[in-house]
Amino acid sequence: MRARFWIGFLVVALAVAGGLSYFASSDPDGLDTVALNGCTVTETTAGEQLDGTCIAQNAGEHHTAGSPLADYSVFGGDGTVGLAGVIGVLVTLVLAGGLFWLLRSRTPNRRE
């Protein structure tokens, strides 16, 4: 019974990460919207340019921008959102499972 639960959990998590992630909105979230408040975004040949005064003008690239799973894709490839989600789920489950395994109680349960 326990094994069926974990297999079902894994299947659902992988289906959500690999399938439903393609339906996620690409529109900016609330934090991005607030950070861009007071600026206009202009497309240039070099990328986006911010005109005006807003918090986002002080932002720089994050430290993991060049990592394989940056920006919810695999190496920046188009159409790899689902694969990045599946990899994220698997890495999270392995790390969490390893942590729980290391921190588990090592003394056997003794019932009186």
C-alpha atoms as a PDB file:
ATOM      1  CA  MET A   1       0.000   0.000   0.000  1.00  0.00           C
ATOM      2  CA  ARG A   2       2.806   2.434   0.887  1.00  0.00           C
ATOM      3  CA  ALA A   3       4.681   1.685  -2.348  1.00  0.00           C
ATOM      4  CA  ARG A   4       1.560   2.391  -4.438  1.00  0.00           C
ATOM      5  CA  PHE A   5       1.169   5.754  -2.725  1.00  0.00           C
ATOM      6  CA  TRP A   6       4.773   6.789  -3.477  1.00  0.00           C
ATOM      7  CA  ILE A   7       4.570   5.575  -7.070  1.00  0.00           C
ATOM      8  CA  GLY A   8       1.316   7.492  -7.536  1.00  0.00           C
ATOM      9  CA  PHE A   9       2.854  10.567  -5.923  1.00  0.00           C
ATOM     10  CA  LEU A  10       5.842  10.378  -8.271  1.00  0.00           C
ATOM     11  CA  VAL A  11       3.645   9.932 -11.346  1.00  0.00           C
ATOM     12  CA  VAL A  12       1.462  12.921 -10.430  1.00  0.00           C
ATOM     13  CA  ALA A  13       4.479  15.120  -9.592  1.00  0.00           C
ATOM     14  CA  LEU A  14       6.166  14.253 -12.888  1.00  0.00           C
ATOM     15  CA  ALA A  15       2.942  14.802 -14.839  1.00  0.00           C
ATOM     16  CA  VAL A  16       2.443  18.236 -13.289  1.00  0.00           C
ATOM     17  CA  ALA A  17       6.084  19.255 -13.762  1.00  0.00           C
ATOM     18  CA  GLY A  18       6.445  17.805 -17.237  1.00  0.00           C
ATOM     19  CA  GLY A  19       3.008  18.440 -18.686  1.00  0.00           C
ATOM     20  CA  LEU A  20       1.229  21.286 -16.964  1.00  0.00           C
ATOM     21  CA  SER A  21       4.316  23.502 -16.884  1.00  0.00           C
ATOM     22  CA  TYR A  22       3.776  24.260 -20.583  1.00  0.00           C
ATOM     23  CA  PHE A  23       0.547  26.037 -19.621  1.00  0.00           C
ATOM     24  CA  ALA A  24       2.222  28.350 -17.081  1.00  0.00           C
ATOM     25  CA  SER A  25       1.919  32.051 -17.776  1.00  0.00           C
ATOM     26  CA  SER A  26       4.902  33.826 -19.270  1.00  0.00           C
ATOM     27  CA  ASP A  27       3.532  37.185 -18.077  1.00  0.00           C
ATOM     28  CA  PRO A  28       5.481  38.880 -15.299  1.00  0.00           C
ATOM     29  CA  ASP A  29       4.440  38.031 -11.770  1.00  0.00           C
ATOM     30  CA  GLY A  30       3.550  40.573  -9.095  1.00  0.00           C
ATOM     31  CA  LEU A  31       7.143  41.181  -8.013  1.00  0.00           C
ATOM     32  CA  ASP A  32       8.258  41.887 -11.591  1.00  0.00           C
ATOM     33  CA  THR A  33       5.305  44.203 -12.105  1.00  0.00           C
ATOM     34  CA  VAL A  34       6.092  46.203  -8.962  1.00  0.00           C
ATOM     35  CA  ALA A  35       9.813  46.360  -9.833  1.00  0.00           C
ATOM     36  CA  LEU A  36       8.957  47.750 -13.303  1.00  0.00           C
ATOM     37  CA  ASN A  37       6.499  50.335 -11.928  1.00  0.00           C
ATOM     38  CA  GLY A  38       7.613  53.726 -13.274  1.00  0.00           C
ATOM     39  CA  CYS A  39       9.533  52.369 -16.267  1.00  0.00           C
ATOM     40  CA  THR A  40       8.744  51.474 -19.819  1.00  0.00           C
ATOM     41  CA  VAL A  41      10.411  48.524 -21.488  1.00  0.00           C
ATOM     42  CA  THR A  42      11.779  49.196 -24.968  1.00  0.00           C
ATOM     43  CA  GLU A  43      13.061  46.419 -27.229  1.00  0.00           C
ATOM     44  CA  THR A  44      16.437  47.201 -28.794  1.00  0.00           C
ATOM     45  CA  THR A  45      18.857  45.155 -30.868  1.00  0.00           C
ATOM     46  CA  ALA A  46      20.886  44.550 -27.695  1.00  0.00           C
ATOM     47  CA  GLY A  47      17.827  43.362 -25.742  1.00  0.00           C
ATOM     48  CA  GLU A  48      15.416  45.153 -23.460  1.00  0.00           C
ATOM     49  CA  GLN A  49      16.069  48.707 -22.281  1.00  0.00           C
ATOM     50  CA  LEU A  50      14.330  50.309 -19.303  1.00  0.00           C
ATOM     51  CA  ASP A  51      13.354  53.963 -19.646  1.00  0.00           C
ATOM     52  CA  GLY A  52      12.149  55.950 -16.641  1.00  0.00           C
ATOM     53  CA  THR A  53      12.740  55.437 -12.940  1.00  0.00           C
ATOM     54  CA  CYS A  54      12.044  52.078 -11.339  1.00  0.00           C
ATOM     55  CA  ILE A  55      13.587  49.536  -8.994  1.00  0.00           C
ATOM     56  CA  ALA A  56      14.371  47.136 -11.858  1.00  0.00           C
ATOM     57  CA  GLN A  57      17.013  49.525 -13.241  1.00  0.00           C
ATOM     58  CA  ASN A  58      19.247  48.551 -10.320  1.00  0.00           C
ATOM     59  CA  ALA A  59      18.845  44.815 -10.947  1.00  0.00           C
ATOM     60  CA  GLY A  60      21.624  42.725 -12.439  1.00  0.00           C
ATOM     61  CA  GLU A  61      21.956  39.157 -13.645  1.00  0.00           C
ATOM     62  CA  HIS A  62      21.568  36.576 -10.926  1.00  0.00           C
ATOM     63  CA  HIS A  63      24.520  34.372  -9.999  1.00  0.00           C
ATOM     64  CA  THR A  64      23.030  31.232 -11.537  1.00  0.00           C
ATOM     65  CA  ALA A  65      22.052  32.814 -14.866  1.00  0.00           C
ATOM     66  CA  GLY A  66      24.445  30.571 -16.768  1.00  0.00           C
ATOM     67  CA  SER A  67      23.419  27.344 -15.052  1.00  0.00           C
ATOM     68  CA  PRO A  68      21.852  24.471 -17.022  1.00  0.00           C
ATOM     69  CA  LEU A  69      18.342  25.031 -15.593  1.00  0.00           C
ATOM     70  CA  ALA A  70      18.269  28.837 -15.500  1.00  0.00           C
ATOM     71  CA  ASP A  71      15.023  30.531 -16.549  1.00  0.00           C
ATOM     72  CA  TYR A  72      13.035  27.284 -16.230  1.00  0.00           C
ATOM     73  CA  SER A  73      14.566  25.700 -19.330  1.00  0.00           C
ATOM     74  CA  VAL A  74      17.378  23.298 -20.127  1.00  0.00           C
ATOM     75  CA  PHE A  75      20.412  25.313 -21.289  1.00  0.00           C
ATOM     76  CA  GLY A  76      18.067  28.112 -22.414  1.00  0.00           C
ATOM     77  CA  GLY A  77      16.404  25.981 -25.074  1.00  0.00           C
ATOM     78  CA  ASP A  78      12.903  26.731 -26.249  1.00  0.00           C
ATOM     79  CA  GLY A  79      10.364  24.037 -25.449  1.00  0.00           C
ATOM     80  CA  THR A  80      12.371  22.506 -22.604  1.00  0.00           C
ATOM     81  CA  VAL A  81      10.224  23.815 -19.758  1.00  0.00           C
ATOM     82  CA  GLY A  82       8.706  20.385 -19.119  1.00  0.00           C
ATOM     83  CA  LEU A  83      12.077  18.658 -19.079  1.00  0.00           C
ATOM     84  CA  ALA A  84      13.427  21.271 -16.663  1.00  0.00           C
ATOM     85  CA  GLY A  85      10.393  20.660 -14.439  1.00  0.00           C
ATOM     86  CA  VAL A  86      10.916  16.894 -14.470  1.00  0.00           C
ATOM     87  CA  ILE A  87      14.611  17.322 -13.626  1.00  0.00           C
ATOM     88  CA  GLY A  88      13.674  19.712 -10.814  1.00  0.00           C
ATOM     89  CA  VAL A  89      11.168  17.257  -9.340  1.00  0.00           C
ATOM     90  CA  LEU A  90      13.645  14.381  -9.477  1.00  0.00           C
ATOM     91  CA  VAL A  91      16.479  16.408  -7.936  1.00  0.00           C
ATOM     92  CA  THR A  92      14.185  17.693  -5.187  1.00  0.00           C
ATOM     93  CA  LEU A  93      12.913  14.194  -4.373  1.00  0.00           C
ATOM     94  CA  VAL A  94      16.437  12.757  -4.299  1.00  0.00           C
ATOM     95  CA  LEU A  95      17.750  15.557  -2.062  1.00  0.00           C
ATOM     96  CA  ALA A  96      14.733  15.451   0.269  1.00  0.00           C
ATOM     97  CA  GLY A  97      14.800  11.657   0.411  1.00  0.00           C
ATOM     98  CA  GLY A  98      18.515  11.667   1.185  1.00  0.00           C
ATOM     99  CA  LEU A  99      18.037  14.266   3.891  1.00  0.00           C
ATOM    100  CA  PHE A 100      15.194  12.317   5.489  1.00  0.00           C
ATOM    101  CA  TRP A 101      17.256   9.133   5.290  1.00  0.00           C
ATOM    102  CA  LEU A 102      20.207  10.834   7.028  1.00  0.00           C
ATOM    103  CA  LEU A 103      18.028  12.385   9.733  1.00  0.00           C
ATOM    104  CA  ARG A 104      15.800   9.388  10.396  1.00  0.00           C
ATOM    105  CA  SER A 105      15.614   7.842  13.830  1.00  0.00           C
ATOM    106  CA  ARG A 106      18.199   5.086  14.063  1.00  0.00           C
ATOM    107  CA  THR A 107      16.811   3.433  17.158  1.00  0.00           C
ATOM    108  CA  PRO A 108      14.243   0.701  16.560  1.00  0.00           C
ATOM    109  CA  ASN A 109      10.709   1.248  17.828  1.00  0.00           C
ATOM    110  CA  ARG A 110      10.144  -0.786  20.938  1.00  0.00           C
ATOM    111  CA  ARG A 111       6.612  -1.480  21.999  1.00  0.00           C
ATOM    112  CA  GLU A 112       5.958  -2.551  25.496  1.00  0.00           C
END
